[in-house]
């Protein structure tokens, strides 16, 4: 007996003539994630991707953990691959399924016979395997309507597969099929979730973080590194640009009305991010903003910040409340990192009474006191680049 992994790609089945291209990207992503686990081969057939280890040292348990974080996989299963012979199937099934059947009361067997030359019909296969399992596990009974577990025996072209529990995948589209975008990441709860959600739609991520030493600490930057490392388990490697922002914030503090500090700052962030994004062939910006969450995230305020850029701004959290965002952040294991007590640049020089219903002309007038172009260019030129690697 050999244990393999069978992968269902879900949404990709709807892609018609482009399906092969999407599946090729998914296979490439799977290979990249598992390249250090041992030797294996990957094949595609009938909406299923098969991973077949080729040496005894292949770490199947770790492979399963990593596959659960690969976007584009709807579900997957560990399966025993045996010869297409009924005696071989009946000999292997009870031993292979013992752990999965030991703690349940009811089961049923489903057979799928892709190879119509196999001498038994699907109902006959189900009956034979069900009888073998009942003989081995007398505590079980058959329930064809609401079983605790479903055992599947699949007869394919080359092998027969015996499988049981299906593991839910990360879903979405393979990263690399949706283009590239730049994520503005502060270190809070929201932006890592926003990046994760867009990576799930196949988008490759770059990230832009604004640092304001000495007002922000090295620990705040390390928090961003750790957040992106967690997101990278799903998205793959992320390019991070750390932008020096102290000078800009001090100029805003010294020259602009206090109630506009945050909005002028956000407009600078958007301008700088767009310049970096275009240079790196990103097609959009991503932020973690949600309508009404803070003063700078009212509809009017968001309109004022978007006015300075000429590329799409994706806000996947826009209609979510904080509880929903926290639930998702816990799901992807970023919450505990986000709540570390190291403040980001967005908390520097926060006005006591920020303007929630700003007018664009007031912001533009306030910015006339600043050397906007030179401040932007110095920040872009001073950005520090590094790659946050996908590690497990």
Protein backbone atom coordinates (compact mmCIF):
# COMPACT_ATOMS: atom_id res chain seq x y z
CA UNK A 1 0.00 0.00 0.00
CA UNK A 2 1.06 3.54 -0.75
CA UNK A 3 -0.45 6.65 0.82
CA UNK A 4 -1.15 9.56 -1.52
CA UNK A 5 -2.98 12.89 -1.33
CA UNK A 6 -5.95 13.69 -3.57
CA UNK A 7 -6.75 17.38 -4.10
CA UNK A 8 -10.03 18.89 -5.31
CA UNK A 9 -9.63 22.32 -6.84
CA UNK A 10 -13.22 23.51 -6.51
CA UNK A 11 -13.73 26.91 -8.10
CA UNK A 12 -11.18 26.25 -10.85
CA UNK A 13 -13.57 23.77 -12.43
CA UNK A 14 -15.67 26.76 -13.56
CA UNK A 15 -12.87 28.34 -15.59
CA UNK A 16 -13.68 26.73 -18.93
CA UNK A 17 -10.95 27.10 -21.54
CA UNK A 18 -8.67 28.87 -19.03
CA UNK A 19 -8.88 26.09 -16.49
CA UNK A 20 -5.59 24.44 -17.46
CA UNK A 21 -3.72 27.70 -16.92
CA UNK A 22 -5.15 28.12 -13.42
CA UNK A 23 -4.42 24.50 -12.54
CA UNK A 24 -0.83 24.86 -13.74
CA UNK A 25 -0.31 27.80 -11.37
CA UNK A 26 -1.86 25.79 -8.53
CA UNK A 27 0.45 22.84 -9.18
CA UNK A 28 3.45 25.18 -9.24
CA UNK A 29 2.40 26.67 -5.89
CA UNK A 30 1.95 23.20 -4.37
CA UNK A 31 5.41 22.12 -5.54
CA UNK A 32 6.97 25.26 -4.10
CA UNK A 33 5.34 24.73 -0.70
CA UNK A 34 6.39 21.08 -0.40
CA UNK A 35 9.77 21.02 -2.09
CA UNK A 36 11.67 20.34 1.15
CA UNK A 37 9.46 17.50 2.39
CA UNK A 38 10.84 14.72 0.22
CA UNK A 39 10.44 13.43 -3.32
CA UNK A 40 6.99 13.31 -4.93
CA UNK A 41 5.26 13.53 -8.28
CA UNK A 42 2.09 15.47 -9.12
CA UNK A 43 -0.43 14.47 -11.76
CA UNK A 44 -3.76 15.91 -12.90
CA UNK A 45 -6.84 13.99 -13.97
CA UNK A 46 -10.62 14.48 -13.83
CA UNK A 47 -10.64 17.65 -11.67
CA UNK A 48 -8.31 15.98 -9.18
CA UNK A 49 -4.64 16.66 -8.49
CA UNK A 50 -2.76 13.66 -7.11
CA UNK A 51 0.38 13.95 -5.00
CA UNK A 52 2.29 10.68 -4.95
CA UNK A 53 5.37 10.38 -2.68
CA UNK A 54 8.30 8.61 -4.29
CA UNK A 55 10.41 7.96 -1.21
CA UNK A 56 9.71 6.72 2.31
CA UNK A 57 11.01 9.91 3.89
CA UNK A 58 8.20 12.08 2.52
CA UNK A 59 6.51 13.87 5.45
CA UNK A 60 2.80 13.40 4.70
CA UNK A 61 1.65 14.96 7.99
CA UNK A 62 3.53 18.18 7.28
CA UNK A 63 2.34 18.13 3.67
CA UNK A 64 -1.26 18.07 4.88
CA UNK A 65 -0.61 21.04 7.18
CA UNK A 66 0.91 23.08 4.36
CA UNK A 67 -1.74 22.16 1.81
CA UNK A 68 -4.42 23.52 4.15
CA UNK A 69 -2.94 26.99 3.50
CA UNK A 70 -2.63 26.82 -0.30
CA UNK A 71 -5.23 28.99 -2.02
CA UNK A 72 -7.01 27.25 -4.87
CA UNK A 73 -7.58 23.99 -3.00
CA UNK A 74 -11.21 23.41 -2.04
CA UNK A 75 -10.62 20.11 -0.22
CA UNK A 76 -8.15 17.25 -0.05
CA UNK A 77 -7.86 13.74 1.33
CA UNK A 78 -5.24 11.25 2.31
CA UNK A 79 -5.87 7.97 0.51
CA UNK A 80 -4.45 4.48 0.21
CA UNK A 81 -3.49 3.60 -3.36
CA UNK A 82 -3.73 -0.13 -4.13
CA UNK A 83 -3.88 -2.38 -7.17
CA UNK A 84 -7.20 -2.52 -8.99
CA UNK A 85 -8.00 -5.88 -7.51
CA UNK A 86 -10.86 -6.61 -5.15
CA UNK A 87 -8.77 -8.86 -2.91
CA UNK A 88 -6.17 -6.10 -2.52
CA UNK A 89 -8.86 -3.53 -1.72
CA UNK A 90 -10.48 -5.78 0.90
CA UNK A 91 -7.11 -6.54 2.49
CA UNK A 92 -6.01 -2.90 2.79
CA UNK A 93 -9.25 -1.05 3.63
CA UNK A 94 -9.77 -2.25 7.24
CA UNK A 95 -6.15 -1.66 8.26
CA UNK A 96 -5.90 1.74 6.58
CA UNK A 97 -9.21 3.04 7.98
CA UNK A 98 -8.85 1.67 11.51
CA UNK A 99 -8.04 4.99 13.21
CA UNK A 100 -10.86 6.81 11.42
CA UNK A 101 -13.50 4.18 12.21
CA UNK A 102 -12.54 3.36 15.78
CA UNK A 103 -14.48 6.15 17.50
CA UNK A 104 -17.69 6.28 15.44
CA UNK A 105 -20.91 4.27 15.37
CA UNK A 106 -22.22 4.41 11.81
CA UNK A 107 -20.72 4.49 8.33
CA UNK A 108 -21.47 3.88 4.70
CA UNK A 109 -19.34 3.02 1.69
CA UNK A 110 -19.55 4.87 -1.62
CA UNK A 111 -17.86 3.46 -4.70
CA UNK A 112 -16.88 5.44 -7.79
CA UNK A 113 -15.91 3.38 -10.81
CA UNK A 114 -14.23 5.61 -13.40
CA UNK A 115 -12.75 2.52 -15.03
CA UNK A 116 -15.85 0.76 -16.39
CA UNK A 117 -13.77 -2.32 -17.25
CA UNK A 118 -13.47 -3.17 -13.56
CA UNK A 119 -15.44 -6.43 -13.10
CA UNK A 120 -17.64 -5.27 -10.19
CA UNK A 121 -20.24 -2.53 -10.35
CA UNK A 122 -20.22 0.38 -7.89
CA UNK A 123 -22.98 -1.14 -5.67
CA UNK A 124 -21.12 -4.45 -5.62
CA UNK A 125 -17.86 -2.76 -4.59
CA UNK A 126 -19.68 -0.90 -1.81
CA UNK A 127 -21.27 -4.09 -0.54
CA UNK A 128 -18.00 -6.03 -0.50
CA UNK A 129 -16.01 -3.31 1.26
CA UNK A 130 -18.83 -2.64 3.72
CA UNK A 131 -18.92 -6.32 4.64
CA UNK A 132 -15.15 -6.39 5.21
CA UNK A 133 -15.35 -3.36 7.50
CA UNK A 134 -18.27 -4.77 9.49
CA UNK A 135 -16.33 -7.99 9.97
CA UNK A 136 -13.31 -6.09 11.29
CA UNK A 137 -15.21 -3.52 13.39
CA UNK A 138 -18.27 -5.16 15.00
CA UNK A 139 -19.19 -1.95 16.85
CA UNK A 140 -20.18 -0.33 13.55
CA UNK A 141 -23.53 -0.30 11.80
CA UNK A 142 -24.40 0.89 8.31
CA UNK A 143 -26.42 4.11 7.92
CA UNK A 144 -26.79 5.16 4.30
CA UNK A 145 -28.66 8.39 5.13
CA UNK A 146 -26.80 10.05 8.02
CA UNK A 147 -23.53 8.18 8.62
CA UNK A 148 -20.87 9.39 11.03
CA UNK A 149 -18.31 8.75 8.31
CA UNK A 150 -18.32 8.02 4.60
CA UNK A 151 -15.74 5.62 3.18
CA UNK A 152 -15.01 6.12 -0.51
CA UNK A 153 -13.50 3.54 -2.82
CA UNK A 154 -12.58 4.98 -6.21
CA UNK A 155 -11.53 2.85 -9.16
CA UNK A 156 -9.43 4.89 -11.56
CA UNK A 157 -7.34 4.19 -14.62
CA UNK A 158 -4.20 2.93 -12.87
CA UNK A 159 -5.08 2.41 -9.19
CA UNK A 160 -7.87 1.99 -6.69
CA UNK A 161 -8.06 4.62 -3.95
CA UNK A 162 -9.47 4.11 -0.46
CA UNK A 163 -10.22 7.26 1.46
CA UNK A 164 -12.33 8.63 4.25
CA UNK A 165 -12.22 12.03 5.91
CA UNK A 166 -12.14 15.06 3.63
CA UNK A 167 -10.07 18.00 4.84
CA UNK A 168 -11.35 21.48 4.02
CA UNK A 169 -8.90 23.53 1.99
CA UNK A 170 -8.25 27.28 1.99
CA UNK A 171 -10.43 27.77 -1.10
CA UNK A 172 -10.12 30.77 -3.37
CA UNK A 173 -7.89 31.09 -6.43
CA UNK A 174 -4.21 30.15 -6.83
CA UNK A 175 -1.90 33.01 -5.90
CA UNK A 176 -0.42 34.38 -9.10
CA UNK A 177 -3.59 34.20 -11.21
CA UNK A 178 -5.03 37.56 -10.12
CA UNK A 179 -2.17 39.99 -10.71
CA UNK A 180 -0.16 41.90 -8.12
CA UNK A 181 -1.14 44.57 -5.58
CA UNK A 182 0.48 46.55 -2.76
CA UNK A 183 -0.85 46.18 0.78
CA UNK A 184 -0.57 49.16 3.14
CA UNK A 185 0.19 47.47 6.47
CA UNK A 186 0.35 49.29 9.79
CA UNK A 187 0.71 46.50 12.33
CA UNK A 188 -2.90 46.51 13.54
CA UNK A 189 -5.57 43.86 13.25
CA UNK A 190 -7.15 44.92 9.97
CA UNK A 191 -4.48 45.16 7.27
CA UNK A 192 -3.12 41.58 7.56
CA UNK A 193 -6.68 40.27 7.17
CA UNK A 194 -7.19 42.50 4.12
CA UNK A 195 -4.00 41.16 2.54
CA UNK A 196 -5.02 37.57 3.27
CA UNK A 197 -8.43 38.12 1.67
CA UNK A 198 -6.96 39.50 -1.56
CA UNK A 199 -4.31 36.77 -1.71
CA UNK A 200 -7.22 34.32 -1.53
CA UNK A 201 -8.43 35.80 -4.82
CA UNK A 202 -5.12 34.95 -6.48
CA UNK A 203 -3.33 38.29 -5.98
CA UNK A 204 0.42 38.39 -5.34
CA UNK A 205 1.21 40.74 -2.45
CA UNK A 206 3.80 43.41 -1.95
CA UNK A 207 3.55 45.32 1.32
CA UNK A 208 4.29 48.92 2.30
CA UNK A 209 4.88 49.94 5.91
CA UNK A 210 5.45 53.49 7.17
CA UNK A 211 7.95 53.86 10.05
CA UNK A 212 8.47 57.03 12.10
CA UNK A 213 11.48 56.63 14.36
CA UNK A 214 11.99 57.70 17.10
CA UNK A 215 8.19 57.94 17.54
CA UNK A 216 7.83 54.29 16.52
CA UNK A 217 10.09 51.51 17.77
CA UNK A 218 12.02 48.67 16.12
CA UNK A 219 9.58 46.33 17.88
CA UNK A 220 6.75 47.86 15.83
CA UNK A 221 8.62 46.99 12.64
CA UNK A 222 9.29 43.48 13.92
CA UNK A 223 5.57 43.09 14.55
CA UNK A 224 4.91 43.89 10.88
CA UNK A 225 7.53 41.31 9.87
CA UNK A 226 5.82 38.68 12.00
CA UNK A 227 2.39 39.54 10.63
CA UNK A 228 3.57 39.27 7.05
CA UNK A 229 5.37 36.01 7.83
CA UNK A 230 2.03 34.60 8.95
CA UNK A 231 0.19 35.89 5.87
CA UNK A 232 3.00 34.52 3.68
CA UNK A 233 2.10 30.98 4.77
CA UNK A 234 -0.96 31.48 2.58
CA UNK A 235 0.22 34.01 -0.01
CA UNK A 236 3.82 32.98 -0.61
CA UNK A 237 6.76 35.38 -0.37
CA UNK A 238 5.93 39.06 0.18
CA UNK A 239 8.13 42.00 -0.79
CA UNK A 240 8.15 44.57 2.02
CA UNK A 241 8.96 48.27 1.57
CA UNK A 242 9.57 50.15 4.82
CA UNK A 243 9.13 53.87 4.16
CA UNK A 244 10.70 56.58 6.38
CA UNK A 245 7.81 58.80 7.41
CA UNK A 246 9.08 60.93 10.31
CA UNK A 247 9.91 64.00 8.24
CA UNK A 248 6.51 64.06 6.59
CA UNK A 249 4.65 63.75 9.88
CA UNK A 250 6.71 66.51 11.46
CA UNK A 251 6.04 68.78 8.48
CA UNK A 252 2.31 68.08 8.75
CA UNK A 253 2.38 68.79 12.49
CA UNK A 254 4.19 72.08 12.00
CA UNK A 255 2.25 73.41 9.01
CA UNK A 256 -1.28 71.98 8.85
CA UNK A 257 -4.47 72.46 10.94
CA UNK A 258 -4.57 69.86 13.70
CA UNK A 259 -8.00 68.45 12.80
CA UNK A 260 -6.63 67.56 9.35
CA UNK A 261 -3.42 65.85 10.49
CA UNK A 262 -4.65 62.30 9.97
CA UNK A 263 -6.22 62.90 6.57
CA UNK A 264 -3.21 64.78 5.20
CA UNK A 265 -1.02 61.96 6.48
CA UNK A 266 -3.22 59.34 4.79
CA UNK A 267 -3.08 61.27 1.51
CA UNK A 268 0.74 61.20 1.67
CA UNK A 269 0.67 57.46 2.37
CA UNK A 270 -1.53 56.88 -0.66
CA UNK A 271 0.67 58.99 -2.95
CA UNK A 272 3.85 57.25 -1.80
CA UNK A 273 2.26 53.81 -2.03
CA UNK A 274 1.02 54.46 -5.55
CA UNK A 275 4.48 55.53 -6.66
CA UNK A 276 6.09 52.40 -5.22
CA UNK A 277 3.28 50.20 -6.53
CA UNK A 278 3.59 51.46 -10.10
CA UNK A 279 7.35 51.05 -10.01
CA UNK A 280 6.90 47.41 -8.92
CA UNK A 281 4.16 46.65 -11.49
CA UNK A 282 1.35 46.45 -8.95
CA UNK A 283 -2.09 47.14 -10.39
CA UNK A 284 -3.85 48.23 -7.19
CA UNK A 285 -3.48 49.24 -3.56
CA UNK A 286 -5.01 47.29 -0.66
CA UNK A 287 -6.00 48.78 2.69
CA UNK A 288 -7.70 47.40 5.80
CA UNK A 289 -10.20 50.24 6.10
CA UNK A 290 -13.82 49.69 7.14
CA UNK A 291 -16.51 52.35 6.84
CA UNK A 292 -16.96 54.27 10.07
CA UNK A 293 -14.39 52.36 12.12
CA UNK A 294 -12.35 55.51 12.86
CA UNK A 295 -12.63 59.17 11.93
CA UNK A 296 -10.44 58.83 8.82
CA UNK A 297 -12.65 56.02 7.50
CA UNK A 298 -15.94 57.83 6.94
CA UNK A 299 -17.12 57.83 3.33
CA UNK A 300 -16.17 61.48 2.87
CA UNK A 301 -12.73 60.92 4.38
CA UNK A 302 -12.07 57.89 2.21
CA UNK A 303 -13.05 59.91 -0.82
CA UNK A 304 -10.53 62.58 0.11
CA UNK A 305 -7.70 60.07 0.48
CA UNK A 306 -8.56 58.30 -2.77
CA UNK A 307 -8.54 61.62 -4.64
CA UNK A 308 -4.72 61.68 -4.75
CA UNK A 309 -4.25 58.32 -6.52
CA UNK A 310 -5.08 57.10 -10.01
CA UNK A 311 -5.19 53.36 -9.44
CA UNK A 312 -7.78 51.05 -7.86
CA UNK A 313 -7.89 50.87 -4.06
CA UNK A 314 -9.21 47.55 -2.78
CA UNK A 315 -10.82 47.54 0.69
CA UNK A 316 -12.00 43.97 1.31
CA UNK A 317 -13.04 44.78 4.91
CA UNK A 318 -15.14 47.80 3.96
CA UNK A 319 -18.47 46.37 5.18
CA UNK A 320 -17.18 44.25 8.06
CA UNK A 321 -17.44 45.18 11.73
CA UNK A 322 -14.58 44.75 14.18
CA UNK A 323 -15.84 41.48 15.61
CA UNK A 324 -15.95 39.93 12.13
CA UNK A 325 -12.42 41.11 11.39
CA UNK A 326 -11.14 39.75 14.71
CA UNK A 327 -12.72 36.35 14.01
CA UNK A 328 -10.89 36.19 10.68
CA UNK A 329 -7.61 37.37 12.24
CA UNK A 330 -7.82 34.56 14.80
CA UNK A 331 -8.52 32.10 12.00
CA UNK A 332 -5.28 33.04 10.22
CA UNK A 333 -3.29 33.40 13.47
CA UNK A 334 -2.48 37.10 13.16
CA UNK A 335 -4.58 38.42 16.06
CA UNK A 336 -2.12 37.73 18.88
CA UNK A 337 0.66 39.39 16.88
CA UNK A 338 -1.47 42.43 16.02
CA UNK A 339 -2.29 43.20 19.66
CA UNK A 340 1.33 43.40 20.77
CA UNK A 341 1.71 46.81 22.50
CA UNK A 342 3.91 48.52 19.91
CA UNK A 343 2.29 51.52 18.27
CA UNK A 344 2.58 52.36 14.59
CA UNK A 345 2.97 55.72 12.88
CA UNK A 346 -0.80 56.19 12.57
CA UNK A 347 -0.91 56.96 16.31
CA UNK A 348 1.71 59.73 16.08
CA UNK A 349 0.36 63.29 16.43
CA UNK A 350 -3.25 62.07 16.50
CA UNK A 351 -5.58 65.10 16.65
CA UNK A 352 -7.93 65.45 19.62
CA UNK A 353 -10.85 66.32 17.35
CA UNK A 354 -10.26 64.90 13.85
CA UNK A 355 -12.43 66.11 10.98
CA UNK A 356 -14.96 63.38 10.08
CA UNK A 357 -16.72 65.27 7.28
CA UNK A 358 -13.78 66.83 5.46
CA UNK A 359 -13.97 68.87 2.31
CA UNK A 360 -11.41 68.18 -0.37
CA UNK A 361 -10.67 71.85 -0.98
CA UNK A 362 -9.68 72.35 2.69
CA UNK A 363 -7.19 69.49 2.49
CA UNK A 364 -5.73 70.75 -0.75
CA UNK A 365 -5.39 74.22 0.75
CA UNK A 366 -3.65 72.82 3.84
CA UNK A 367 -1.17 70.91 1.69
CA UNK A 368 -0.08 74.11 -0.07
CA UNK A 369 2.06 74.81 2.98
CA UNK A 370 4.05 71.63 2.29
CA UNK A 371 6.63 70.73 -0.34
CA UNK A 372 4.54 67.74 -1.32
CA UNK A 373 6.52 66.44 -4.30
CA UNK A 374 9.94 66.59 -2.63
CA UNK A 375 8.61 65.00 0.56
CA UNK A 376 7.11 62.14 -1.43
CA UNK A 377 10.22 61.56 -3.51
CA UNK A 378 12.54 61.55 -0.49
CA UNK A 379 10.31 59.01 1.22
CA UNK A 380 10.20 56.77 -1.86
CA UNK A 381 13.96 57.02 -2.35
CA UNK A 382 14.54 56.17 1.33
CA UNK A 383 12.30 53.08 1.33
CA UNK A 384 14.04 49.92 2.49
CA UNK A 385 13.20 46.67 0.67
CA UNK A 386 13.31 43.09 1.91
CA UNK A 387 11.52 39.84 1.19
CA UNK A 388 9.39 38.15 3.82
CA UNK A 389 9.78 34.48 3.03
CA UNK A 390 7.09 31.85 3.18
CA UNK A 391 8.29 29.56 5.97
CA UNK A 392 6.54 26.99 8.13
